[in-house]
Amino acid sequence: MSWQRTCASAAETEAAGEALATLLRAGDIVLLSGQLGAGKTTFVKGVARGLGVIERVTSPTFTLVRPHQGQNDQGITTLLHADVYRVESLAEVLDLALGELVEEAAVALVEWGDLASSIFGREVLTIQFKIDEFEVRWLDVGGQLAQRRSGELDRWSAQ
């Protein structure tokens, strides 16, 4: 089972991210995939806002992982924003140790996560971004973690 949400603009994509932030818990890993320009970083900006991050969020393409501090009611103090587009091997992704970093009051959002999904196991939330010829973004949410939060995702996809 999967959940879908459409976003007709960058503002709607950010709003979808902000709304998704409310269902995240410390230790969650969210794998984002989709073509260049599909809205992955824009979505992360919304998640960051929803988690109380006040600093500017940009793509960590060249730094691979950027930590952002936030304040929220979920007890998540750190958003780890990763981009594995430029990694050359799965060993490089393993070296990032995201699984260990999220154990202590953090969540990780990994752009191009499909490239490294085998490392993170099944306990993840996956979001596939598709963009149509009218620049509408289609967000398709799945993964084992999504199954456990189905009620919350029902509400999220209906917004």
N, C-alpha and C. Protein backbone atom coordinates (compact mmCIF):
# COMPACT_ATOMS: atom_id res chain seq x y z
N MET A 1 0.84 -1.18 0.00
CA MET A 1 0.00 0.00 0.00
C MET A 1 0.89 1.24 0.00
N SER A 2 0.42 2.27 -0.69
CA SER A 2 1.15 3.53 -0.71
C SER A 2 0.16 4.68 -0.65
N TRP A 3 0.68 5.86 -0.35
CA TRP A 3 -0.12 7.06 -0.23
C TRP A 3 0.42 8.07 -1.23
N GLN A 4 -0.49 8.87 -1.81
CA GLN A 4 -0.06 9.81 -2.83
C GLN A 4 -0.60 11.19 -2.51
N ARG A 5 0.21 12.17 -2.88
CA ARG A 5 -0.20 13.57 -2.72
C ARG A 5 0.34 14.33 -3.92
N THR A 6 -0.45 15.25 -4.45
CA THR A 6 0.00 16.07 -5.57
C THR A 6 0.29 17.48 -5.07
N CYS A 7 1.28 18.10 -5.71
CA CYS A 7 1.70 19.46 -5.36
C CYS A 7 1.86 20.24 -6.65
N ALA A 8 1.07 21.29 -6.81
CA ALA A 8 1.08 22.06 -8.04
C ALA A 8 2.11 23.18 -8.04
N SER A 9 2.80 23.38 -6.92
CA SER A 9 3.78 24.47 -6.84
C SER A 9 4.85 24.12 -5.81
N ALA A 10 5.91 24.92 -5.80
CA ALA A 10 6.95 24.74 -4.79
C ALA A 10 6.37 24.97 -3.39
N ALA A 11 5.49 25.94 -3.25
CA ALA A 11 4.88 26.23 -1.95
C ALA A 11 4.08 25.02 -1.46
N GLU A 12 3.36 24.36 -2.35
CA GLU A 12 2.59 23.17 -1.97
C GLU A 12 3.52 22.01 -1.62
N THR A 13 4.66 21.92 -2.32
CA THR A 13 5.63 20.86 -2.02
C THR A 13 6.22 21.08 -0.63
N GLU A 14 6.55 22.33 -0.31
CA GLU A 14 7.04 22.64 1.04
C GLU A 14 5.98 22.34 2.09
N ALA A 15 4.73 22.70 1.80
CA ALA A 15 3.64 22.45 2.74
C ALA A 15 3.45 20.95 2.98
N ALA A 16 3.62 20.15 1.93
CA ALA A 16 3.53 18.69 2.08
C ALA A 16 4.63 18.19 3.00
N GLY A 17 5.83 18.74 2.87
CA GLY A 17 6.93 18.37 3.74
C GLY A 17 6.67 18.78 5.18
N GLU A 18 6.17 19.98 5.36
CA GLU A 18 5.87 20.47 6.70
C GLU A 18 4.82 19.58 7.37
N ALA A 19 3.80 19.19 6.62
CA ALA A 19 2.77 18.31 7.16
C ALA A 19 3.32 16.92 7.48
N LEU A 20 4.22 16.42 6.66
CA LEU A 20 4.81 15.11 6.91
C LEU A 20 5.67 15.13 8.17
N ALA A 21 6.28 16.25 8.47
CA ALA A 21 7.14 16.37 9.65
C ALA A 21 6.40 15.98 10.92
N THR A 22 5.10 16.21 10.96
CA THR A 22 4.33 15.93 12.17
C THR A 22 4.22 14.44 12.47
N LEU A 23 4.43 13.59 11.48
CA LEU A 23 4.32 12.15 11.74
C LEU A 23 5.68 11.47 11.89
N LEU A 24 6.76 12.24 11.83
CA LEU A 24 8.10 11.68 12.02
C LEU A 24 8.42 11.49 13.49
N ARG A 25 9.24 10.48 13.77
CA ARG A 25 9.69 10.18 15.13
C ARG A 25 11.21 10.06 15.12
N ALA A 26 11.83 10.32 16.25
CA ALA A 26 13.29 10.16 16.35
C ALA A 26 13.67 8.76 15.90
N GLY A 27 14.70 8.69 15.08
CA GLY A 27 15.18 7.43 14.55
C GLY A 27 14.68 7.11 13.15
N ASP A 28 13.75 7.90 12.64
CA ASP A 28 13.21 7.64 11.30
C ASP A 28 14.21 7.98 10.21
N ILE A 29 14.18 7.18 9.16
CA ILE A 29 14.96 7.44 7.96
C ILE A 29 13.98 7.52 6.80
N VAL A 30 14.05 8.62 6.05
CA VAL A 30 13.16 8.85 4.92
C VAL A 30 14.02 8.92 3.66
N LEU A 31 13.75 8.02 2.72
CA LEU A 31 14.50 7.95 1.47
C LEU A 31 13.71 8.65 0.38
N LEU A 32 14.29 9.68 -0.22
CA LEU A 32 13.65 10.47 -1.26
C LEU A 32 14.27 10.12 -2.61
N SER A 33 13.44 9.85 -3.59
CA SER A 33 13.97 9.55 -4.92
C SER A 33 13.12 10.23 -5.98
N GLY A 34 13.73 10.44 -7.14
CA GLY A 34 13.06 11.09 -8.25
C GLY A 34 14.08 11.87 -9.06
N GLN A 35 13.66 12.27 -10.23
CA GLN A 35 14.57 12.94 -11.16
C GLN A 35 15.03 14.29 -10.61
N LEU A 36 16.08 14.83 -11.20
CA LEU A 36 16.55 16.17 -10.86
C LEU A 36 15.42 17.17 -11.05
N GLY A 37 15.27 18.08 -10.11
CA GLY A 37 14.26 19.12 -10.23
C GLY A 37 12.85 18.68 -9.85
N ALA A 38 12.70 17.49 -9.28
CA ALA A 38 11.38 16.99 -8.95
C ALA A 38 10.84 17.54 -7.62
N GLY A 39 11.68 18.21 -6.84
CA GLY A 39 11.20 18.84 -5.62
C GLY A 39 11.68 18.23 -4.32
N LYS A 40 12.69 17.39 -4.37
CA LYS A 40 13.19 16.72 -3.16
C LYS A 40 13.71 17.73 -2.13
N THR A 41 14.57 18.64 -2.54
CA THR A 41 15.12 19.61 -1.60
C THR A 41 14.04 20.57 -1.12
N THR A 42 13.14 20.96 -1.98
CA THR A 42 12.03 21.82 -1.59
C THR A 42 11.19 21.14 -0.52
N PHE A 43 10.94 19.85 -0.69
CA PHE A 43 10.20 19.08 0.30
C PHE A 43 10.94 19.05 1.63
N VAL A 44 12.25 18.85 1.60
CA VAL A 44 13.05 18.82 2.82
C VAL A 44 12.96 20.17 3.54
N LYS A 45 12.93 21.26 2.80
CA LYS A 45 12.77 22.58 3.42
C LYS A 45 11.49 22.64 4.23
N GLY A 46 10.42 22.06 3.71
CA GLY A 46 9.16 22.02 4.44
C GLY A 46 9.24 21.15 5.68
N VAL A 47 9.88 19.98 5.56
CA VAL A 47 10.06 19.12 6.72
C VAL A 47 10.85 19.87 7.79
N ALA A 48 11.90 20.55 7.37
CA ALA A 48 12.73 21.31 8.31
C ALA A 48 11.89 22.35 9.04
N ARG A 49 11.08 23.08 8.31
CA ARG A 49 10.21 24.09 8.94
C ARG A 49 9.27 23.41 9.94
N GLY A 50 8.72 22.26 9.56
CA GLY A 50 7.82 21.53 10.45
C GLY A 50 8.51 21.01 11.71
N LEU A 51 9.82 20.80 11.64
CA LEU A 51 10.58 20.34 12.80
C LEU A 51 11.20 21.49 13.59
N GLY A 52 10.87 22.71 13.21
CA GLY A 52 11.35 23.87 13.95
C GLY A 52 12.76 24.31 13.61
N VAL A 53 13.26 23.91 12.45
CA VAL A 53 14.58 24.36 12.00
C VAL A 53 14.42 25.79 11.49
N ILE A 54 15.28 26.69 11.98
CA ILE A 54 15.16 28.08 11.54
C ILE A 54 16.25 28.49 10.56
N GLU A 55 17.33 27.72 10.48
CA GLU A 55 18.40 28.06 9.55
C GLU A 55 18.00 27.69 8.11
N ARG A 56 18.69 28.27 7.17
CA ARG A 56 18.43 28.02 5.75
C ARG A 56 18.81 26.58 5.38
N VAL A 57 17.95 25.91 4.64
CA VAL A 57 18.19 24.54 4.21
C VAL A 57 18.50 24.55 2.72
N THR A 58 19.66 23.99 2.37
CA THR A 58 20.06 23.86 0.97
C THR A 58 20.49 22.43 0.72
N SER A 59 20.63 22.07 -0.53
CA SER A 59 21.03 20.71 -0.87
C SER A 59 22.47 20.44 -0.42
N PRO A 60 22.68 19.32 0.25
CA PRO A 60 24.04 18.98 0.70
C PRO A 60 24.80 18.15 -0.34
N THR A 61 24.61 18.44 -1.62
CA THR A 61 25.19 17.65 -2.69
C THR A 61 26.69 17.45 -2.54
N PHE A 62 27.41 18.48 -2.15
CA PHE A 62 28.87 18.36 -2.08
C PHE A 62 29.38 18.05 -0.68
N THR A 63 28.56 18.29 0.35
CA THR A 63 28.98 17.97 1.71
C THR A 63 28.43 16.61 2.15
N LEU A 64 27.53 16.05 1.40
CA LEU A 64 26.85 14.76 1.62
C LEU A 64 25.84 14.80 2.76
N VAL A 65 26.18 15.32 3.94
CA VAL A 65 25.23 15.38 5.06
C VAL A 65 25.34 16.73 5.74
N ARG A 66 24.18 17.34 5.96
CA ARG A 66 24.12 18.59 6.70
C ARG A 66 23.18 18.42 7.89
N PRO A 67 23.67 18.61 9.09
CA PRO A 67 22.78 18.56 10.27
C PRO A 67 22.11 19.92 10.50
N HIS A 68 20.86 19.88 10.88
CA HIS A 68 20.10 21.09 11.21
C HIS A 68 19.44 20.88 12.57
N GLN A 69 19.57 21.84 13.44
CA GLN A 69 18.96 21.76 14.77
C GLN A 69 17.56 22.33 14.74
N GLY A 70 16.65 21.69 15.45
CA GLY A 70 15.27 22.16 15.48
C GLY A 70 14.63 21.95 16.83
N GLN A 71 13.48 22.54 17.02
CA GLN A 71 12.69 22.36 18.23
C GLN A 71 11.26 22.05 17.83
N ASN A 72 10.71 20.98 18.40
CA ASN A 72 9.37 20.55 18.05
C ASN A 72 8.79 19.71 19.18
N ASP A 73 7.53 19.36 19.06
CA ASP A 73 6.85 18.58 20.08
C ASP A 73 7.17 17.08 20.02
N GLN A 74 7.83 16.63 18.95
CA GLN A 74 8.16 15.21 18.80
C GLN A 74 9.46 14.82 19.49
N GLY A 75 10.21 15.80 19.99
CA GLY A 75 11.48 15.50 20.63
C GLY A 75 12.61 15.24 19.65
N ILE A 76 12.42 15.65 18.40
CA ILE A 76 13.46 15.51 17.38
C ILE A 76 14.32 16.77 17.43
N THR A 77 15.57 16.62 17.78
CA THR A 77 16.43 17.78 17.91
C THR A 77 17.29 18.03 16.68
N THR A 78 17.47 16.99 15.84
CA THR A 78 18.35 17.13 14.68
C THR A 78 17.71 16.53 13.43
N LEU A 79 17.76 17.30 12.37
CA LEU A 79 17.39 16.81 11.05
C LEU A 79 18.70 16.62 10.30
N LEU A 80 18.96 15.40 9.87
CA LEU A 80 20.13 15.11 9.04
C LEU A 80 19.66 15.08 7.59
N HIS A 81 20.15 16.01 6.82
CA HIS A 81 19.77 16.11 5.40
C HIS A 81 20.94 15.60 4.58
N ALA A 82 20.74 14.46 3.93
CA ALA A 82 21.82 13.84 3.16
C ALA A 82 21.47 13.81 1.67
N ASP A 83 22.50 13.82 0.86
CA ASP A 83 22.35 13.72 -0.59
C ASP A 83 23.45 12.77 -1.07
N VAL A 84 23.04 11.60 -1.54
CA VAL A 84 24.02 10.59 -1.94
C VAL A 84 24.17 10.50 -3.47
N TYR A 85 23.74 11.54 -4.17
CA TYR A 85 23.81 11.54 -5.63
C TYR A 85 25.24 11.35 -6.14
N ARG A 86 26.20 11.95 -5.47
CA ARG A 86 27.58 11.93 -5.96
C ARG A 86 28.46 10.83 -5.35
N VAL A 87 27.90 9.98 -4.51
CA VAL A 87 28.73 8.92 -3.93
C VAL A 87 29.06 7.89 -5.01
N GLU A 88 30.23 7.30 -4.87
CA GLU A 88 30.68 6.35 -5.88
C GLU A 88 30.49 4.90 -5.48
N SER A 89 30.20 4.67 -4.20
CA SER A 89 30.01 3.29 -3.76
C SER A 89 29.11 3.24 -2.54
N LEU A 90 28.53 2.09 -2.29
CA LEU A 90 27.71 1.91 -1.10
C LEU A 90 28.55 2.04 0.17
N ALA A 91 29.84 1.73 0.06
CA ALA A 91 30.73 1.86 1.22
C ALA A 91 30.77 3.32 1.68
N GLU A 92 30.73 4.26 0.75
CA GLU A 92 30.71 5.68 1.12
C GLU A 92 29.46 6.03 1.90
N VAL A 93 28.33 5.44 1.52
CA VAL A 93 27.08 5.69 2.24
C VAL A 93 27.18 5.08 3.64
N LEU A 94 27.73 3.89 3.74
CA LEU A 94 27.93 3.26 5.05
C LEU A 94 28.79 4.13 5.95
N ASP A 95 29.82 4.76 5.37
CA ASP A 95 30.72 5.62 6.14
C ASP A 95 30.00 6.82 6.75
N LEU A 96 28.87 7.22 6.16
CA LEU A 96 28.11 8.34 6.70
C LEU A 96 27.47 8.00 8.05
N ALA A 97 27.26 6.72 8.32
CA ALA A 97 26.72 6.21 9.59
C ALA A 97 25.39 6.86 9.96
N LEU A 98 24.53 7.09 8.98
CA LEU A 98 23.25 7.73 9.25
C LEU A 98 22.39 6.91 10.20
N GLY A 99 22.43 5.59 10.05
CA GLY A 99 21.64 4.74 10.93
C GLY A 99 21.98 4.94 12.39
N GLU A 100 23.25 5.10 12.69
CA GLU A 100 23.67 5.33 14.07
C GLU A 100 23.36 6.75 14.52
N LEU A 101 23.48 7.70 13.62
CA LEU A 101 23.26 9.10 13.98
C LEU A 101 21.80 9.39 14.32
N VAL A 102 20.86 8.69 13.70
CA VAL A 102 19.45 8.97 13.96
C VAL A 102 18.95 8.36 15.26
N GLU A 103 19.74 7.52 15.87
CA GLU A 103 19.29 6.86 17.10
C GLU A 103 19.08 7.83 18.25
N GLU A 104 19.72 8.96 18.23
CA GLU A 104 19.61 9.89 19.35
C GLU A 104 18.90 11.18 18.94
N ALA A 105 17.57 11.15 18.99
CA ALA A 105 16.73 12.32 18.78
C ALA A 105 16.91 12.97 17.41
N ALA A 106 17.18 12.18 16.39
CA ALA A 106 17.35 12.73 15.06
C ALA A 106 16.50 11.95 14.05
N VAL A 107 16.27 12.58 12.90
CA VAL A 107 15.70 11.91 11.73
C VAL A 107 16.63 12.21 10.56
N ALA A 108 16.62 11.34 9.57
CA ALA A 108 17.44 11.55 8.38
C ALA A 108 16.55 11.55 7.15
N LEU A 109 16.73 12.54 6.30
CA LEU A 109 16.11 12.57 4.98
C LEU A 109 17.24 12.45 3.98
N VAL A 110 17.16 11.43 3.12
CA VAL A 110 18.25 11.10 2.21
C VAL A 110 17.77 11.27 0.78
N GLU A 111 18.29 12.32 0.12
CA GLU A 111 17.98 12.51 -1.30
C GLU A 111 18.75 11.48 -2.11
N TRP A 112 18.11 10.99 -3.16
CA TRP A 112 18.64 9.92 -4.00
C TRP A 112 18.78 8.63 -3.18
N GLY A 113 17.89 8.48 -2.20
CA GLY A 113 17.91 7.34 -1.30
C GLY A 113 17.74 6.01 -1.98
N ASP A 114 17.13 5.99 -3.16
CA ASP A 114 16.97 4.73 -3.87
C ASP A 114 18.32 4.13 -4.25
N LEU A 115 19.35 4.99 -4.40
CA LEU A 115 20.68 4.51 -4.74
C LEU A 115 21.32 3.72 -3.61
N ALA A 116 20.84 3.95 -2.39
CA ALA A 116 21.45 3.31 -1.23
C ALA A 116 20.43 2.60 -0.35
N SER A 117 19.27 2.31 -0.90
CA SER A 117 18.20 1.73 -0.08
C SER A 117 18.58 0.40 0.55
N SER A 118 19.44 -0.37 -0.08
CA SER A 118 19.83 -1.67 0.48
C SER A 118 20.57 -1.52 1.82
N ILE A 119 21.18 -0.40 2.05
CA ILE A 119 21.92 -0.17 3.29
C ILE A 119 20.98 0.10 4.46
N PHE A 120 19.88 0.75 4.21
CA PHE A 120 19.01 1.20 5.28
C PHE A 120 17.98 0.17 5.72
N GLY A 121 17.86 -0.92 5.02
CA GLY A 121 16.91 -1.95 5.41
C GLY A 121 15.48 -1.58 5.08
N ARG A 122 14.57 -2.29 5.71
CA ARG A 122 13.16 -2.13 5.38
C ARG A 122 12.43 -1.14 6.28
N GLU A 123 13.01 -0.78 7.40
CA GLU A 123 12.35 0.10 8.36
C GLU A 123 12.52 1.57 7.96
N VAL A 124 12.06 1.91 6.78
CA VAL A 124 12.19 3.27 6.27
C VAL A 124 10.87 3.74 5.69
N LEU A 125 10.81 5.02 5.48
CA LEU A 125 9.72 5.65 4.75
C LEU A 125 10.32 6.03 3.40
N THR A 126 9.67 5.67 2.31
CA THR A 126 10.17 6.04 0.99
C THR A 126 9.21 7.03 0.34
N ILE A 127 9.79 8.01 -0.33
CA ILE A 127 8.96 8.97 -1.07
C ILE A 127 9.54 9.09 -2.48
N GLN A 128 8.73 8.70 -3.45
CA GLN A 128 9.10 8.79 -4.86
C GLN A 128 8.47 10.08 -5.42
N PHE A 129 9.31 10.95 -5.99
CA PHE A 129 8.85 12.21 -6.57
C PHE A 129 8.78 12.05 -8.08
N LYS A 130 7.64 12.39 -8.64
CA LYS A 130 7.48 12.39 -10.09
C LYS A 130 6.94 13.75 -10.47
N ILE A 131 7.33 14.21 -11.65
CA ILE A 131 6.87 15.51 -12.12
C ILE A 131 6.28 15.32 -13.51
N ASP A 132 5.11 15.89 -13.75
CA ASP A 132 4.47 15.71 -15.04
C ASP A 132 4.75 16.90 -15.97
N GLU A 133 4.17 16.86 -17.14
CA GLU A 133 4.44 17.90 -18.14
C GLU A 133 3.90 19.27 -17.75
N PHE A 134 3.04 19.33 -16.73
CA PHE A 134 2.48 20.59 -16.24
C PHE A 134 3.20 21.09 -15.00
N GLU A 135 4.35 20.46 -14.67
CA GLU A 135 5.16 20.81 -13.49
C GLU A 135 4.47 20.46 -12.17
N VAL A 136 3.48 19.58 -12.21
CA VAL A 136 2.83 19.09 -11.00
C VAL A 136 3.68 17.95 -10.44
N ARG A 137 3.93 18.01 -9.14
CA ARG A 137 4.70 16.95 -8.48
C ARG A 137 3.76 15.93 -7.89
N TRP A 138 4.10 14.68 -8.07
CA TRP A 138 3.35 13.56 -7.50
C TRP A 138 4.25 12.89 -6.48
N LEU A 139 3.84 12.88 -5.24
CA LEU A 139 4.61 12.26 -4.16
C LEU A 139 3.95 10.94 -3.79
N ASP A 140 4.69 9.87 -3.93
CA ASP A 140 4.18 8.53 -3.64
C ASP A 140 4.94 7.98 -2.44
N VAL A 141 4.26 7.81 -1.32
CA VAL A 141 4.87 7.41 -0.06
C VAL A 141 4.62 5.93 0.20
N GLY A 142 5.68 5.22 0.57
CA GLY A 142 5.56 3.80 0.89
C GLY A 142 6.61 3.38 1.89
N GLY A 143 6.83 2.09 1.98
CA GLY A 143 7.82 1.54 2.89
C GLY A 143 7.17 0.97 4.14
N GLN A 144 7.92 0.13 4.83
CA GLN A 144 7.39 -0.51 6.03
C GLN A 144 6.99 0.49 7.11
N LEU A 145 7.76 1.53 7.25
CA LEU A 145 7.44 2.55 8.24
C LEU A 145 6.10 3.21 7.91
N ALA A 146 5.83 3.38 6.63
CA ALA A 146 4.56 3.98 6.21
C ALA A 146 3.38 3.10 6.61
N GLN A 147 3.55 1.80 6.51
CA GLN A 147 2.47 0.88 6.88
C GLN A 147 2.08 1.05 8.35
N ARG A 148 3.07 1.29 9.20
CA ARG A 148 2.80 1.44 10.63
C ARG A 148 2.16 2.80 10.96
N ARG A 149 2.26 3.74 10.04
CA ARG A 149 1.70 5.08 10.28
C ARG A 149 0.59 5.38 9.28
N SER A 150 -0.13 4.35 8.92
CA SER A 150 -1.12 4.47 7.85
C SER A 150 -2.21 5.49 8.16
N GLY A 151 -2.69 5.54 9.38
CA GLY A 151 -3.73 6.51 9.72
C GLY A 151 -3.27 7.94 9.53
N GLU A 152 -2.06 8.21 9.99
CA GLU A 152 -1.50 9.55 9.83
C GLU A 152 -1.28 9.88 8.35
N LEU A 153 -0.83 8.90 7.59
CA LEU A 153 -0.60 9.13 6.16
C LEU A 153 -1.91 9.27 5.39
N ASP A 154 -2.97 8.63 5.86
CA ASP A 154 -4.29 8.84 5.24
C ASP A 154 -4.67 10.31 5.34
N ARG A 155 -4.46 10.89 6.51
CA ARG A 155 -4.77 12.32 6.70
C ARG A 155 -3.85 13.20 5.88
N TRP A 156 -2.54 12.85 5.85
CA TRP A 156 -1.56 13.64 5.09
C TRP A 156 -1.90 13.66 3.61
N SER A 157 -2.23 12.51 3.05
CA SER A 157 -2.49 12.44 1.60
C SER A 157 -3.81 13.12 1.22
N ALA A 158 -4.72 13.27 2.18
CA ALA A 158 -6.00 13.91 1.89
C ALA A 158 -5.93 15.43 1.93
N GLN A 159 -4.83 15.98 2.42
CA GLN A 159 -4.71 17.44 2.52
C GLN A 159 -4.52 18.08 1.17
